Every structure is written in C-alpha cells, then in structure tokens.
Amino acid sequence: MTALQTIEKMGNEAVQKLRLQKLANGRPFMINSKDLETNQCYLEYPDGKIQLVFLKNAAKEFTVIRTLSSVEEHSLRKKYGFPRL
C-alpha cells in the first residue's frame, strides 16, 4: 500500500467513525458530493432518511429541496460505503 493509499484509507475510516458518532448522538450527518450543484449537499438523519438540501447564509440554514426515495438512499449509501443503520 502506498503512502497516498494509506492516507486515503485513514481519511475514509475517520469519516465513517464521524458518521456513526453523529447519527448515534441523534444529529444529522452531512454528505458532500461533487455531483451536486454549488451549496447543495445531502443530510442523513438517524432515522435513515436522507434529504437533498441547499445551504443558505454561509451554511447556517438549510432549505430542503427534496427527500430521497428508498432506492436513491440505497444507491447513495452504496456509492459512499455507508451501511444503513
């Protein structure tokens, strides 16, 4: 494993751990994606729901664009290696 691969693995593990901590504490986890428009991201909630949101006012307020379908949720989790909790 190269140094870059090691760093990438450590980063992915840190994100996975942060996700679990946030959701376990009842807080949403923000999923950023290069596939989304500027100022958009996903919020995953402890109940499993994922919403596409728009960040307003320098990320102090979210506007919900829509809630993902269960098929979309599954696809997004698979893409990022996030198991359903």
N, C-alpha and C. Protein backbone atom coordinates (compact mmCIF):
# COMPACT_ATOMS: atom_id res chain seq x y z
N MET A 1 0.85 -1.18 0.00
CA MET A 1 0.00 0.00 0.00
C MET A 1 0.89 1.24 0.00
N THR A 2 0.59 2.16 -0.91
CA THR A 2 1.38 3.38 -1.00
C THR A 2 1.00 4.33 0.13
N ALA A 3 1.82 5.35 0.32
CA ALA A 3 1.55 6.35 1.36
C ALA A 3 0.22 7.05 1.09
N LEU A 4 -0.06 7.35 -0.17
CA LEU A 4 -1.31 8.02 -0.53
C LEU A 4 -2.50 7.12 -0.23
N GLN A 5 -2.40 5.84 -0.52
CA GLN A 5 -3.48 4.90 -0.23
C GLN A 5 -3.71 4.78 1.27
N THR A 6 -2.62 4.80 2.03
CA THR A 6 -2.73 4.74 3.49
C THR A 6 -3.46 5.96 4.04
N ILE A 7 -3.11 7.13 3.53
CA ILE A 7 -3.77 8.37 3.96
C ILE A 7 -5.23 8.35 3.58
N GLU A 8 -5.54 7.89 2.36
CA GLU A 8 -6.92 7.81 1.92
C GLU A 8 -7.73 6.86 2.80
N LYS A 9 -7.14 5.73 3.13
CA LYS A 9 -7.82 4.75 3.99
C LYS A 9 -8.10 5.34 5.37
N MET A 10 -7.12 6.04 5.93
CA MET A 10 -7.30 6.66 7.24
C MET A 10 -8.39 7.73 7.19
N GLY A 11 -8.43 8.50 6.11
CA GLY A 11 -9.45 9.53 5.95
C GLY A 11 -10.84 8.92 5.86
N ASN A 12 -10.97 7.85 5.07
CA ASN A 12 -12.26 7.18 4.94
C ASN A 12 -12.73 6.59 6.27
N GLU A 13 -11.81 6.02 7.02
CA GLU A 13 -12.16 5.46 8.32
C GLU A 13 -12.60 6.56 9.30
N ALA A 14 -11.95 7.72 9.22
CA ALA A 14 -12.32 8.84 10.09
C ALA A 14 -13.72 9.34 9.75
N VAL A 15 -14.05 9.41 8.46
CA VAL A 15 -15.38 9.85 8.03
C VAL A 15 -16.44 8.84 8.50
N GLN A 16 -16.15 7.56 8.37
CA GLN A 16 -17.08 6.52 8.81
C GLN A 16 -17.34 6.64 10.32
N LYS A 17 -16.28 6.86 11.07
CA LYS A 17 -16.41 6.99 12.53
C LYS A 17 -17.23 8.23 12.90
N LEU A 18 -16.95 9.35 12.25
CA LEU A 18 -17.69 10.59 12.50
C LEU A 18 -19.17 10.41 12.17
N ARG A 19 -19.46 9.74 11.07
CA ARG A 19 -20.84 9.48 10.68
C ARG A 19 -21.57 8.71 11.77
N LEU A 20 -20.96 7.64 12.23
CA LEU A 20 -21.58 6.81 13.27
C LEU A 20 -21.80 7.61 14.56
N GLN A 21 -20.83 8.43 14.93
CA GLN A 21 -20.95 9.25 16.14
C GLN A 21 -22.09 10.24 16.01
N LYS A 22 -22.15 10.94 14.89
CA LYS A 22 -23.20 11.95 14.68
C LYS A 22 -24.58 11.31 14.76
N LEU A 23 -24.77 10.22 14.00
CA LEU A 23 -26.07 9.56 13.96
C LEU A 23 -26.43 8.96 15.32
N ALA A 24 -25.46 8.39 16.03
CA ALA A 24 -25.71 7.82 17.35
C ALA A 24 -26.12 8.89 18.36
N ASN A 25 -25.65 10.11 18.15
CA ASN A 25 -25.99 11.23 19.04
C ASN A 25 -27.26 11.96 18.60
N GLY A 26 -27.95 11.39 17.61
CA GLY A 26 -29.21 11.99 17.18
C GLY A 26 -29.06 13.19 16.26
N ARG A 27 -27.89 13.35 15.68
CA ARG A 27 -27.64 14.51 14.82
C ARG A 27 -27.49 14.08 13.37
N PRO A 28 -27.85 14.92 12.42
CA PRO A 28 -27.69 14.55 11.01
C PRO A 28 -26.22 14.58 10.59
N PHE A 29 -25.94 13.80 9.58
CA PHE A 29 -24.59 13.74 9.01
C PHE A 29 -24.63 14.33 7.60
N MET A 30 -23.74 15.27 7.32
CA MET A 30 -23.69 15.93 6.03
C MET A 30 -22.83 15.12 5.07
N ILE A 31 -23.39 14.84 3.89
CA ILE A 31 -22.67 14.13 2.84
C ILE A 31 -22.48 15.10 1.68
N ASN A 32 -21.23 15.45 1.43
CA ASN A 32 -20.91 16.33 0.31
C ASN A 32 -20.61 15.48 -0.92
N SER A 33 -20.99 15.97 -2.08
CA SER A 33 -20.78 15.24 -3.32
C SER A 33 -20.41 16.20 -4.43
N LYS A 34 -19.41 15.81 -5.21
CA LYS A 34 -19.01 16.61 -6.36
C LYS A 34 -20.09 16.60 -7.44
N ASP A 35 -21.02 15.63 -7.35
CA ASP A 35 -22.09 15.51 -8.33
C ASP A 35 -23.20 16.54 -8.15
N LEU A 36 -23.20 17.23 -7.02
CA LEU A 36 -24.25 18.20 -6.73
C LEU A 36 -23.84 19.61 -7.13
N GLU A 37 -24.83 20.46 -7.24
CA GLU A 37 -24.58 21.87 -7.55
C GLU A 37 -23.93 22.56 -6.35
N THR A 38 -23.36 23.72 -6.60
CA THR A 38 -22.75 24.52 -5.53
C THR A 38 -23.77 24.77 -4.43
N ASN A 39 -23.34 24.67 -3.20
CA ASN A 39 -24.16 24.90 -2.00
C ASN A 39 -25.24 23.84 -1.77
N GLN A 40 -25.12 22.70 -2.42
CA GLN A 40 -26.03 21.60 -2.15
C GLN A 40 -25.27 20.45 -1.49
N CYS A 41 -25.97 19.71 -0.65
CA CYS A 41 -25.40 18.52 -0.04
C CYS A 41 -26.55 17.62 0.41
N TYR A 42 -26.20 16.46 0.92
CA TYR A 42 -27.20 15.56 1.49
C TYR A 42 -27.09 15.61 3.01
N LEU A 43 -28.21 15.47 3.68
CA LEU A 43 -28.23 15.30 5.13
C LEU A 43 -28.86 13.94 5.41
N GLU A 44 -28.10 13.10 6.10
CA GLU A 44 -28.59 11.79 6.52
C GLU A 44 -29.00 11.89 7.98
N TYR A 45 -30.19 11.43 8.30
CA TYR A 45 -30.72 11.53 9.66
C TYR A 45 -30.67 10.17 10.36
N PRO A 46 -30.67 10.19 11.68
CA PRO A 46 -30.61 8.93 12.45
C PRO A 46 -31.72 7.94 12.11
N ASP A 47 -32.87 8.43 11.64
CA ASP A 47 -33.97 7.52 11.28
C ASP A 47 -33.78 6.89 9.90
N GLY A 48 -32.67 7.23 9.22
CA GLY A 48 -32.36 6.65 7.92
C GLY A 48 -32.74 7.51 6.73
N LYS A 49 -33.53 8.53 6.97
CA LYS A 49 -33.96 9.43 5.89
C LYS A 49 -32.76 10.25 5.40
N ILE A 50 -32.74 10.49 4.10
CA ILE A 50 -31.71 11.36 3.50
C ILE A 50 -32.42 12.44 2.69
N GLN A 51 -32.01 13.68 2.91
CA GLN A 51 -32.59 14.80 2.17
C GLN A 51 -31.50 15.52 1.39
N LEU A 52 -31.89 15.97 0.21
CA LEU A 52 -31.05 16.86 -0.58
C LEU A 52 -31.39 18.27 -0.10
N VAL A 53 -30.36 19.02 0.30
CA VAL A 53 -30.60 20.35 0.85
C VAL A 53 -29.72 21.39 0.17
N PHE A 54 -30.13 22.63 0.33
CA PHE A 54 -29.38 23.79 -0.15
C PHE A 54 -28.93 24.57 1.06
N LEU A 55 -27.65 24.92 1.13
CA LEU A 55 -27.12 25.68 2.25
C LEU A 55 -27.27 27.16 1.97
N LYS A 56 -27.91 27.87 2.89
CA LYS A 56 -28.10 29.31 2.77
C LYS A 56 -27.32 30.01 3.88
N ASN A 57 -27.08 31.27 3.70
CA ASN A 57 -26.49 32.12 4.74
C ASN A 57 -25.22 31.53 5.31
N ALA A 58 -24.26 31.24 4.46
CA ALA A 58 -22.96 30.71 4.88
C ALA A 58 -23.11 29.46 5.75
N ALA A 59 -23.94 28.54 5.30
CA ALA A 59 -24.13 27.23 5.93
C ALA A 59 -24.78 27.30 7.30
N LYS A 60 -25.52 28.35 7.57
CA LYS A 60 -26.20 28.45 8.86
C LYS A 60 -27.66 28.01 8.77
N GLU A 61 -28.15 27.81 7.56
CA GLU A 61 -29.54 27.43 7.38
C GLU A 61 -29.66 26.53 6.16
N PHE A 62 -30.44 25.45 6.30
CA PHE A 62 -30.66 24.53 5.20
C PHE A 62 -32.08 24.67 4.67
N THR A 63 -32.24 24.61 3.38
CA THR A 63 -33.54 24.54 2.74
C THR A 63 -33.64 23.17 2.09
N VAL A 64 -34.67 22.42 2.45
CA VAL A 64 -34.84 21.09 1.89
C VAL A 64 -35.33 21.20 0.45
N ILE A 65 -34.62 20.57 -0.44
CA ILE A 65 -35.02 20.51 -1.85
C ILE A 65 -35.99 19.35 -2.03
N ARG A 66 -35.59 18.17 -1.50
CA ARG A 66 -36.46 17.00 -1.54
C ARG A 66 -35.88 15.89 -0.68
N THR A 67 -36.74 14.95 -0.32
CA THR A 67 -36.33 13.76 0.41
C THR A 67 -36.09 12.65 -0.61
N LEU A 68 -34.97 11.95 -0.48
CA LEU A 68 -34.64 10.89 -1.41
C LEU A 68 -35.57 9.69 -1.22
N SER A 69 -35.81 8.97 -2.30
CA SER A 69 -36.58 7.73 -2.22
C SER A 69 -35.70 6.65 -1.59
N SER A 70 -36.29 5.55 -1.19
CA SER A 70 -35.50 4.47 -0.58
C SER A 70 -34.49 3.91 -1.58
N VAL A 71 -34.82 3.87 -2.85
CA VAL A 71 -33.89 3.39 -3.88
C VAL A 71 -32.70 4.36 -3.99
N GLU A 72 -32.99 5.66 -3.98
CA GLU A 72 -31.92 6.66 -4.05
C GLU A 72 -31.04 6.61 -2.79
N GLU A 73 -31.66 6.44 -1.63
CA GLU A 73 -30.90 6.32 -0.38
C GLU A 73 -29.94 5.15 -0.47
N HIS A 74 -30.44 4.00 -0.91
CA HIS A 74 -29.62 2.80 -1.02
C HIS A 74 -28.44 3.04 -1.97
N SER A 75 -28.71 3.65 -3.11
CA SER A 75 -27.68 3.92 -4.10
C SER A 75 -26.61 4.86 -3.56
N LEU A 76 -27.03 5.90 -2.85
CA LEU A 76 -26.08 6.86 -2.28
C LEU A 76 -25.21 6.20 -1.20
N ARG A 77 -25.83 5.42 -0.34
CA ARG A 77 -25.06 4.72 0.70
C ARG A 77 -24.06 3.75 0.09
N LYS A 78 -24.48 3.06 -0.95
CA LYS A 78 -23.59 2.11 -1.64
C LYS A 78 -22.41 2.86 -2.26
N LYS A 79 -22.69 3.99 -2.89
CA LYS A 79 -21.65 4.79 -3.54
C LYS A 79 -20.55 5.20 -2.56
N TYR A 80 -20.96 5.57 -1.35
CA TYR A 80 -20.00 6.06 -0.35
C TYR A 80 -19.61 5.02 0.69
N GLY A 81 -20.14 3.81 0.57
CA GLY A 81 -19.78 2.75 1.51
C GLY A 81 -20.34 2.97 2.89
N PHE A 82 -21.51 3.61 2.96
CA PHE A 82 -22.18 3.88 4.24
C PHE A 82 -23.28 2.83 4.45
N PRO A 83 -23.11 1.93 5.40
CA PRO A 83 -24.18 0.96 5.66
C PRO A 83 -25.40 1.62 6.27
N ARG A 84 -26.55 1.06 5.99
CA ARG A 84 -27.81 1.55 6.62
C ARG A 84 -27.76 1.15 8.08
N LEU A 85 -28.05 2.08 8.96
CA LEU A 85 -28.01 1.79 10.39
C LEU A 85 -29.37 1.40 10.90
